[in-house]
C-alpha atoms as a PDB file:
ATOM      1  CA  UNK A   1      48.238   2.458   1.180  1.00  0.00           C
ATOM      2  CA  UNK A   2      46.210  -0.087   3.297  1.00  0.00           C
ATOM      3  CA  UNK A   3      43.217  -1.795   1.842  1.00  0.00           C
ATOM      4  CA  UNK A   4      40.997  -0.134   4.243  1.00  0.00           C
ATOM      5  CA  UNK A   5      42.151   3.306   3.398  1.00  0.00           C
ATOM      6  CA  UNK A   6      41.754   2.599  -0.364  1.00  0.00           C
ATOM      7  CA  UNK A   7      38.100   1.371   0.296  1.00  0.00           C
ATOM      8  CA  UNK A   8      37.409   4.434   2.579  1.00  0.00           C
ATOM      9  CA  UNK A   9      38.501   6.852  -0.189  1.00  0.00           C
ATOM     10  CA  UNK A  10      36.493   4.996  -2.894  1.00  0.00           C
ATOM     11  CA  UNK A  11      33.403   5.206  -0.723  1.00  0.00           C
ATOM     12  CA  UNK A  12      33.986   8.949   0.063  1.00  0.00           C
ATOM     13  CA  UNK A  13      34.501   9.638  -3.698  1.00  0.00           C
ATOM     14  CA  UNK A  14      31.162   7.748  -4.633  1.00  0.00           C
ATOM     15  CA  UNK A  15      29.377   9.890  -1.932  1.00  0.00           C
ATOM     16  CA  UNK A  16      30.662  13.056  -3.271  1.00  0.00           C
ATOM     17  CA  UNK A  17      29.596  12.265  -6.694  1.00  0.00           C
ATOM     18  CA  UNK A  18      26.089  11.240  -5.573  1.00  0.00           C
ATOM     19  CA  UNK A  19      25.823  14.347  -3.508  1.00  0.00           C
ATOM     20  CA  UNK A  20      27.103  16.518  -6.570  1.00  0.00           C
ATOM     21  CA  UNK A  21      24.392  14.855  -8.772  1.00  0.00           C
ATOM     22  CA  UNK A  22      21.735  15.321  -6.112  1.00  0.00           C
ATOM     23  CA  UNK A  23      22.398  19.026  -5.931  1.00  0.00           C
ATOM     24  CA  UNK A  24      23.169  19.748  -9.641  1.00  0.00           C
ATOM     25  CA  UNK A  25      21.626  16.748 -11.443  1.00  0.00           C
ATOM     26  CA  UNK A  26      18.186  17.986 -12.378  1.00  0.00           C
ATOM     27  CA  UNK A  27      19.447  21.553 -12.919  1.00  0.00           C
ATOM     28  CA  UNK A  28      22.113  20.425 -15.341  1.00  0.00           C
ATOM     29  CA  UNK A  29      19.996  18.016 -17.253  1.00  0.00           C
ATOM     30  CA  UNK A  30      17.361  20.690 -17.945  1.00  0.00           C
ATOM     31  CA  UNK A  31      14.499  18.194 -17.642  1.00  0.00           C
ATOM     32  CA  UNK A  32      10.863  19.058 -18.298  1.00  0.00           C
ATOM     33  CA  UNK A  33       8.499  20.438 -15.758  1.00  0.00           C
ATOM     34  CA  UNK A  34       6.926  17.100 -15.062  1.00  0.00           C
ATOM     35  CA  UNK A  35      10.376  15.444 -14.405  1.00  0.00           C
ATOM     36  CA  UNK A  36      10.541  13.630 -17.760  1.00  0.00           C
ATOM     37  CA  UNK A  37      12.560  14.373 -20.745  1.00  0.00           C
ATOM     38  CA  UNK A  38      12.531  17.752 -22.469  1.00  0.00           C
ATOM     39  CA  UNK A  39       9.174  18.843 -23.870  1.00  0.00           C
ATOM     40  CA  UNK A  40       7.823  15.987 -25.858  1.00  0.00           C
ATOM     41  CA  UNK A  41       5.912  18.221 -28.209  1.00  0.00           C
ATOM     42  CA  UNK A  42       2.296  18.089 -29.279  1.00  0.00           C
ATOM     43  CA  UNK A  43       2.350  14.772 -31.029  1.00  0.00           C
ATOM     44  CA  UNK A  44       2.801  11.259 -29.616  1.00  0.00           C
ATOM     45  CA  UNK A  45       0.687   9.017 -27.566  1.00  0.00           C
ATOM     46  CA  UNK A  46      -0.135   8.113 -23.999  1.00  0.00           C
ATOM     47  CA  UNK A  47       0.194   4.533 -22.908  1.00  0.00           C
ATOM     48  CA  UNK A  48      -1.277   2.636 -19.857  1.00  0.00           C
ATOM     49  CA  UNK A  49       1.517   0.970 -17.806  1.00  0.00           C
ATOM     50  CA  UNK A  50      -0.939  -1.583 -16.446  1.00  0.00           C
ATOM     51  CA  UNK A  51      -2.952  -2.949 -19.558  1.00  0.00           C
ATOM     52  CA  UNK A  52      -0.869  -1.453 -22.363  1.00  0.00           C
ATOM     53  CA  UNK A  53      -3.749   0.551 -23.939  1.00  0.00           C
ATOM     54  CA  UNK A  54      -2.539   3.534 -26.160  1.00  0.00           C
ATOM     55  CA  UNK A  55      -4.353   6.603 -27.091  1.00  0.00           C
ATOM     56  CA  UNK A  56      -3.389   9.811 -28.896  1.00  0.00           C
ATOM     57  CA  UNK A  57      -1.887  12.551 -26.765  1.00  0.00           C
ATOM     58  CA  UNK A  58      -4.157  15.582 -26.385  1.00  0.00           C
ATOM     59  CA  UNK A  59      -2.320  18.838 -26.603  1.00  0.00           C
ATOM     60  CA  UNK A  60      -2.251  20.809 -23.320  1.00  0.00           C
ATOM     61  CA  UNK A  61      -3.208  17.799 -21.166  1.00  0.00           C
ATOM     62  CA  UNK A  62      -0.313  15.760 -19.679  1.00  0.00           C
ATOM     63  CA  UNK A  63      -0.677  12.034 -20.067  1.00  0.00           C
ATOM     64  CA  UNK A  64      -0.135  11.720 -16.320  1.00  0.00           C
ATOM     65  CA  UNK A  65      -3.384  13.585 -15.666  1.00  0.00           C
ATOM     66  CA  UNK A  66      -5.376  11.236 -17.967  1.00  0.00           C
ATOM     67  CA  UNK A  67      -6.849   7.900 -16.888  1.00  0.00           C
ATOM     68  CA  UNK A  68      -6.906   4.802 -19.012  1.00  0.00           C
ATOM     69  CA  UNK A  69     -10.371   4.268 -20.508  1.00  0.00           C
ATOM     70  CA  UNK A  70     -10.000   0.490 -20.064  1.00  0.00           C
ATOM     71  CA  UNK A  71      -8.728   0.114 -16.581  1.00  0.00           C
ATOM     72  CA  UNK A  72      -8.622   3.559 -14.917  1.00  0.00           C
ATOM     73  CA  UNK A  73      -4.837   3.602 -14.284  1.00  0.00           C
ATOM     74  CA  UNK A  74      -2.953   6.899 -14.834  1.00  0.00           C
ATOM     75  CA  UNK A  75      -1.369   7.075 -18.345  1.00  0.00           C
ATOM     76  CA  UNK A  76       2.361   7.728 -19.104  1.00  0.00           C
ATOM     77  CA  UNK A  77       3.819   9.441 -22.147  1.00  0.00           C
ATOM     78  CA  UNK A  78       5.137   7.086 -24.857  1.00  0.00           C
END
């Protein structure tokens, strides 16, 4: 087998695996509605990615919908 043919097969295999993940990845991982991990539950905290300020997570309100009280940046779940 030539080097060109081996590299061609490797690239095609990688592309097939990427396509397979693209089609089935999110479905098989059973991720949460917001694209994060499975439901994080009622506890925990929200953290500002810009200034580092943390605050207690409010039940029913995603951290991504809350603004940091210090700098106004959207919060992320910690």
